[in-house]
Amino acid sequence: MSDINQTEPIRIYTIPTCSDCHFAKRYFNEKKIAFIEFNCEEDMKYAEEVLELTGKQIVPTIVIQEKVFIGFAENLNEISKLLQ
């Protein structure tokens, strides 16, 4: 596990029907990277947090320390480099 994850788990905002969300969670689990999932469908406050973070309501929204990513697949290279 990299230092970035030991100090602060990744936050990932999801909904159950999002395939990109499932892809992100599977990737983090396979790499043994700690994350906390916030289900925007179960609790609207998480959807509001996504809107505050991004100005949009798009999942997955992934927060790694102070860096915010909208979507996973299109940000995979940058996320992978950040977590090395």
Protein backbone atom coordinates (compact mmCIF):
# COMPACT_ATOMS: atom_id res chain seq x y z
CA MET A 1 0.00 0.00 0.00
CA SER A 2 1.34 3.44 -0.86
CA ASP A 3 1.88 6.22 1.67
CA ILE A 4 -0.97 8.27 0.24
CA ASN A 5 -3.49 5.63 1.31
CA GLN A 6 -2.01 5.03 4.73
CA THR A 7 -2.48 8.64 5.73
CA GLU A 8 -5.94 9.21 4.26
CA PRO A 9 -8.22 6.73 2.49
CA ILE A 10 -9.52 7.58 -0.94
CA ARG A 11 -13.10 8.83 -0.97
CA ILE A 12 -15.30 7.55 -3.78
CA TYR A 13 -18.83 8.79 -4.39
CA THR A 14 -20.96 6.21 -6.18
CA ILE A 15 -24.41 4.95 -7.10
CA PRO A 16 -25.20 1.20 -7.28
CA THR A 17 -25.99 1.14 -11.02
CA CYS A 18 -22.76 2.87 -12.15
CA SER A 19 -20.43 0.52 -14.05
CA ASP A 20 -17.49 2.99 -13.81
CA CYS A 21 -18.02 3.04 -10.01
CA HIS A 22 -17.78 -0.78 -9.91
CA PHE A 23 -14.64 -0.64 -12.07
CA ALA A 24 -13.03 1.88 -9.68
CA LYS A 25 -13.87 -0.12 -6.55
CA ARG A 26 -12.60 -3.37 -8.15
CA TYR A 27 -9.36 -1.61 -9.16
CA PHE A 28 -8.77 -0.23 -5.64
CA ASN A 29 -9.57 -3.61 -4.06
CA GLU A 30 -7.23 -5.48 -6.42
CA LYS A 31 -4.44 -2.99 -5.66
CA LYS A 32 -5.22 -3.19 -1.91
CA ILE A 33 -5.82 0.56 -1.78
CA ALA A 34 -7.99 1.73 1.11
CA PHE A 35 -11.10 3.68 0.17
CA ILE A 36 -14.33 4.85 1.72
CA GLU A 37 -17.45 4.59 -0.41
CA PHE A 38 -20.22 7.17 -0.21
CA ASN A 39 -23.44 5.98 -1.87
CA CYS A 40 -25.17 9.06 -3.28
CA GLU A 41 -28.42 7.14 -3.77
CA GLU A 42 -28.66 6.08 -0.12
CA ASP A 43 -27.86 9.51 1.31
CA MET A 44 -28.53 12.75 -0.56
CA LYS A 45 -25.92 14.59 1.51
CA TYR A 46 -23.27 12.70 -0.46
CA ALA A 47 -24.81 13.84 -3.75
CA GLU A 48 -24.66 17.39 -2.37
CA GLU A 49 -20.98 16.92 -1.47
CA VAL A 50 -20.28 15.84 -5.08
CA LEU A 51 -22.01 18.97 -6.34
CA GLU A 52 -19.94 21.13 -3.96
CA LEU A 53 -16.69 19.40 -4.99
CA THR A 54 -17.25 19.44 -8.75
CA GLY A 55 -20.14 21.72 -9.64
CA LYS A 56 -21.69 18.62 -11.24
CA GLN A 57 -23.53 15.51 -10.16
CA ILE A 58 -21.40 12.85 -11.81
CA VAL A 59 -20.22 9.57 -10.31
CA PRO A 60 -17.83 8.21 -9.62
CA THR A 61 -16.28 11.26 -8.08
CA ILE A 62 -12.99 10.24 -6.52
CA VAL A 63 -11.06 12.32 -3.98
CA ILE A 64 -7.42 11.46 -3.34
CA GLN A 65 -6.16 13.79 -0.65
CA GLU A 66 -7.15 17.18 -2.13
CA LYS A 67 -7.28 16.07 -5.78
CA VAL A 68 -10.75 15.51 -7.24
CA PHE A 69 -11.40 13.24 -10.23
CA ILE A 70 -14.71 13.12 -12.08
CA GLY A 71 -15.01 9.62 -13.52
CA PHE A 72 -12.59 6.75 -13.21
CA ALA A 73 -11.79 5.14 -16.57
CA GLU A 74 -10.80 8.43 -18.22
CA ASN A 75 -8.62 9.31 -15.21
CA LEU A 76 -7.09 5.86 -14.65
CA ASN A 77 -3.58 6.79 -15.87
CA GLU A 78 -3.38 9.88 -13.67
CA ILE A 79 -4.84 8.05 -10.65
CA SER A 80 -2.41 5.14 -11.13
CA LYS A 81 0.58 7.49 -11.27
CA LEU A 82 -0.63 9.36 -8.18
CA LEU A 83 -0.93 6.11 -6.20
CA GLN A 84 2.52 4.71 -7.05
